[in-house]
Amino acid sequence: MGLYGERTGALHFVCADKDTAARVLSQVKITVRVNYSSPPKHGARIASAILNQPELRQQWLEELITVCARMGDMR
């Protein structure tokens, strides 16, 4: 889930081996240290409000399907 100006979600890396994973992790730690120090709460609260209310969750899922289809069509 992406919210403009809000940090939500997760970032994953898939690496070919442990050595590459260690190098990636080292760089990621350097890059995101500032964000981990004081993450804002409002993005998580917005996501929680949407995902925990059935009607808002359904609207979000429909919009997500539309966006994914559009991205697929553009590729």
N, C-alpha and C. Protein backbone atom coordinates (compact mmCIF):
# COMPACT_ATOMS: atom_id res chain seq x y z
N MET A 1 0.86 -1.17 0.00
CA MET A 1 0.00 0.00 0.00
C MET A 1 0.90 1.22 0.00
N GLY A 2 0.67 2.13 -0.91
CA GLY A 2 1.46 3.35 -0.95
C GLY A 2 0.57 4.55 -0.67
N LEU A 3 1.04 5.42 0.18
CA LEU A 3 0.33 6.66 0.49
C LEU A 3 1.30 7.80 0.25
N TYR A 4 0.86 8.79 -0.52
CA TYR A 4 1.74 9.92 -0.81
C TYR A 4 2.15 10.61 0.48
N GLY A 5 3.44 10.78 0.67
CA GLY A 5 3.95 11.47 1.84
C GLY A 5 3.91 10.66 3.11
N GLU A 6 3.54 9.40 3.04
CA GLU A 6 3.48 8.55 4.23
C GLU A 6 4.31 7.30 3.99
N ARG A 7 4.98 6.83 5.02
CA ARG A 7 5.76 5.60 4.89
C ARG A 7 4.92 4.43 5.37
N THR A 8 4.58 3.56 4.46
CA THR A 8 3.85 2.34 4.80
C THR A 8 4.43 1.20 4.00
N GLY A 9 4.19 -0.01 4.44
CA GLY A 9 4.57 -1.17 3.66
C GLY A 9 5.90 -1.77 4.05
N ALA A 10 6.42 -2.58 3.14
CA ALA A 10 7.66 -3.30 3.39
C ALA A 10 8.48 -3.35 2.10
N LEU A 11 9.75 -3.54 2.27
CA LEU A 11 10.66 -3.65 1.13
C LEU A 11 11.40 -4.98 1.28
N HIS A 12 11.41 -5.77 0.22
CA HIS A 12 12.06 -7.08 0.26
C HIS A 12 13.13 -7.15 -0.83
N PHE A 13 14.20 -7.86 -0.53
CA PHE A 13 15.25 -8.12 -1.51
C PHE A 13 15.44 -9.63 -1.61
N VAL A 14 15.56 -10.12 -2.81
CA VAL A 14 15.88 -11.53 -3.05
C VAL A 14 17.27 -11.56 -3.67
N CYS A 15 18.18 -12.23 -2.98
CA CYS A 15 19.57 -12.25 -3.43
C CYS A 15 19.97 -13.67 -3.82
N ALA A 16 20.96 -13.74 -4.68
CA ALA A 16 21.42 -15.03 -5.21
C ALA A 16 22.17 -15.86 -4.16
N ASP A 17 22.82 -15.18 -3.20
CA ASP A 17 23.61 -15.92 -2.21
C ASP A 17 23.76 -15.09 -0.94
N LYS A 18 24.32 -15.72 0.09
CA LYS A 18 24.46 -15.05 1.39
C LYS A 18 25.41 -13.86 1.34
N ASP A 19 26.44 -13.96 0.56
CA ASP A 19 27.41 -12.86 0.45
C ASP A 19 26.74 -11.62 -0.14
N THR A 20 25.99 -11.80 -1.19
CA THR A 20 25.26 -10.68 -1.81
C THR A 20 24.24 -10.13 -0.83
N ALA A 21 23.53 -11.01 -0.14
CA ALA A 21 22.53 -10.57 0.84
C ALA A 21 23.16 -9.73 1.94
N ALA A 22 24.34 -10.12 2.40
CA ALA A 22 25.05 -9.36 3.43
C ALA A 22 25.43 -7.98 2.93
N ARG A 23 25.90 -7.89 1.69
CA ARG A 23 26.26 -6.59 1.13
C ARG A 23 25.03 -5.70 0.96
N VAL A 24 23.94 -6.28 0.48
CA VAL A 24 22.70 -5.51 0.31
C VAL A 24 22.21 -5.01 1.67
N LEU A 25 22.19 -5.90 2.66
CA LEU A 25 21.73 -5.52 4.00
C LEU A 25 22.56 -4.38 4.56
N SER A 26 23.87 -4.44 4.37
CA SER A 26 24.75 -3.38 4.85
C SER A 26 24.37 -2.03 4.25
N GLN A 27 24.13 -2.00 2.95
CA GLN A 27 23.77 -0.75 2.28
C GLN A 27 22.38 -0.26 2.69
N VAL A 28 21.46 -1.19 2.84
CA VAL A 28 20.09 -0.82 3.23
C VAL A 28 20.10 -0.22 4.63
N LYS A 29 20.85 -0.81 5.54
CA LYS A 29 20.94 -0.27 6.91
C LYS A 29 21.45 1.16 6.91
N ILE A 30 22.43 1.44 6.09
CA ILE A 30 22.96 2.80 5.99
C ILE A 30 21.90 3.76 5.47
N THR A 31 21.17 3.31 4.45
CA THR A 31 20.20 4.16 3.78
C THR A 31 18.98 4.47 4.64
N VAL A 32 18.50 3.49 5.38
CA VAL A 32 17.22 3.68 6.09
C VAL A 32 17.36 4.01 7.57
N ARG A 33 18.55 4.17 8.06
CA ARG A 33 18.74 4.43 9.49
C ARG A 33 17.92 5.62 9.98
N VAL A 34 17.87 6.67 9.23
CA VAL A 34 17.12 7.87 9.63
C VAL A 34 15.63 7.55 9.76
N ASN A 35 15.10 6.77 8.85
CA ASN A 35 13.68 6.43 8.90
C ASN A 35 13.32 5.58 10.11
N TYR A 36 14.20 4.69 10.51
CA TYR A 36 13.92 3.83 11.65
C TYR A 36 14.00 4.60 12.97
N SER A 37 14.74 5.68 13.00
CA SER A 37 14.92 6.42 14.24
C SER A 37 13.62 7.01 14.76
N SER A 38 12.79 7.51 13.87
CA SER A 38 11.53 8.13 14.31
C SER A 38 10.45 7.98 13.23
N PRO A 39 9.96 6.77 13.04
CA PRO A 39 8.95 6.58 12.00
C PRO A 39 7.62 7.24 12.38
N PRO A 40 6.93 7.85 11.43
CA PRO A 40 5.64 8.47 11.73
C PRO A 40 4.57 7.40 11.92
N LYS A 41 3.54 7.74 12.69
CA LYS A 41 2.46 6.79 12.95
C LYS A 41 1.28 6.97 12.01
N HIS A 42 1.13 8.14 11.40
CA HIS A 42 -0.09 8.41 10.67
C HIS A 42 -0.28 7.53 9.44
N GLY A 43 0.78 7.15 8.75
CA GLY A 43 0.64 6.27 7.59
C GLY A 43 0.07 4.92 7.98
N ALA A 44 0.59 4.36 9.07
CA ALA A 44 0.09 3.08 9.57
C ALA A 44 -1.36 3.20 10.03
N ARG A 45 -1.71 4.32 10.62
CA ARG A 45 -3.10 4.52 11.07
C ARG A 45 -4.06 4.62 9.89
N ILE A 46 -3.64 5.29 8.83
CA ILE A 46 -4.48 5.39 7.63
C ILE A 46 -4.67 4.00 7.02
N ALA A 47 -3.57 3.25 6.88
CA ALA A 47 -3.66 1.90 6.33
C ALA A 47 -4.56 1.02 7.19
N SER A 48 -4.42 1.12 8.49
CA SER A 48 -5.24 0.32 9.40
C SER A 48 -6.72 0.66 9.26
N ALA A 49 -7.02 1.94 9.16
CA ALA A 49 -8.43 2.36 9.01
C ALA A 49 -9.02 1.79 7.72
N ILE A 50 -8.25 1.80 6.65
CA ILE A 50 -8.74 1.28 5.36
C ILE A 50 -8.88 -0.24 5.39
N LEU A 51 -7.87 -0.92 5.89
CA LEU A 51 -7.86 -2.38 5.84
C LEU A 51 -8.80 -3.03 6.86
N ASN A 52 -9.17 -2.31 7.91
CA ASN A 52 -10.03 -2.88 8.95
C ASN A 52 -11.51 -2.53 8.78
N GLN A 53 -11.86 -1.73 7.77
CA GLN A 53 -13.26 -1.43 7.50
C GLN A 53 -13.63 -2.11 6.18
N PRO A 54 -14.51 -3.10 6.22
CA PRO A 54 -14.81 -3.90 5.03
C PRO A 54 -15.13 -3.09 3.78
N GLU A 55 -15.93 -2.03 3.90
CA GLU A 55 -16.29 -1.26 2.71
C GLU A 55 -15.10 -0.50 2.13
N LEU A 56 -14.25 0.02 3.00
CA LEU A 56 -13.05 0.72 2.53
C LEU A 56 -12.03 -0.26 1.97
N ARG A 57 -11.91 -1.42 2.62
CA ARG A 57 -10.99 -2.44 2.12
C ARG A 57 -11.41 -2.90 0.72
N GLN A 58 -12.71 -3.11 0.52
CA GLN A 58 -13.21 -3.54 -0.79
C GLN A 58 -12.93 -2.48 -1.85
N GLN A 59 -13.16 -1.22 -1.50
CA GLN A 59 -12.88 -0.13 -2.44
C GLN A 59 -11.40 -0.11 -2.79
N TRP A 60 -10.53 -0.26 -1.79
CA TRP A 60 -9.09 -0.27 -2.01
C TRP A 60 -8.70 -1.43 -2.93
N LEU A 61 -9.24 -2.62 -2.66
CA LEU A 61 -8.92 -3.78 -3.50
C LEU A 61 -9.35 -3.56 -4.95
N GLU A 62 -10.53 -2.99 -5.15
CA GLU A 62 -11.00 -2.71 -6.51
C GLU A 62 -10.07 -1.72 -7.22
N GLU A 63 -9.67 -0.68 -6.50
CA GLU A 63 -8.76 0.30 -7.09
C GLU A 63 -7.39 -0.31 -7.35
N LEU A 64 -6.94 -1.20 -6.48
CA LEU A 64 -5.66 -1.87 -6.66
C LEU A 64 -5.68 -2.75 -7.91
N ILE A 65 -6.77 -3.47 -8.12
CA ILE A 65 -6.92 -4.30 -9.31
C ILE A 65 -6.87 -3.43 -10.57
N THR A 66 -7.55 -2.30 -10.52
CA THR A 66 -7.57 -1.39 -11.67
C THR A 66 -6.17 -0.87 -11.98
N VAL A 67 -5.44 -0.45 -10.94
CA VAL A 67 -4.10 0.08 -11.14
C VAL A 67 -3.17 -0.99 -11.69
N CYS A 68 -3.25 -2.20 -11.13
CA CYS A 68 -2.39 -3.30 -11.59
C CYS A 68 -2.68 -3.65 -13.05
N ALA A 69 -3.95 -3.67 -13.40
CA ALA A 69 -4.33 -3.96 -14.80
C ALA A 69 -3.80 -2.88 -15.73
N ARG A 70 -3.92 -1.63 -15.32
CA ARG A 70 -3.43 -0.52 -16.14
C ARG A 70 -1.92 -0.62 -16.33
N MET A 71 -1.21 -0.92 -15.26
CA MET A 71 0.25 -1.07 -15.36
C MET A 71 0.60 -2.22 -16.30
N GLY A 72 -0.13 -3.31 -16.20
CA GLY A 72 0.12 -4.44 -17.09
C GLY A 72 -0.14 -4.09 -18.55
N ASP A 73 -1.20 -3.33 -18.79
CA ASP A 73 -1.53 -2.92 -20.16
C ASP A 73 -0.46 -2.00 -20.74
N MET A 74 0.11 -1.14 -19.89
CA MET A 74 1.10 -0.18 -20.36
C MET A 74 2.43 -0.86 -20.68
N ARG A 75 2.69 -1.98 -20.08
CA ARG A 75 3.96 -2.70 -20.32
C ARG A 75 3.83 -3.45 -21.60
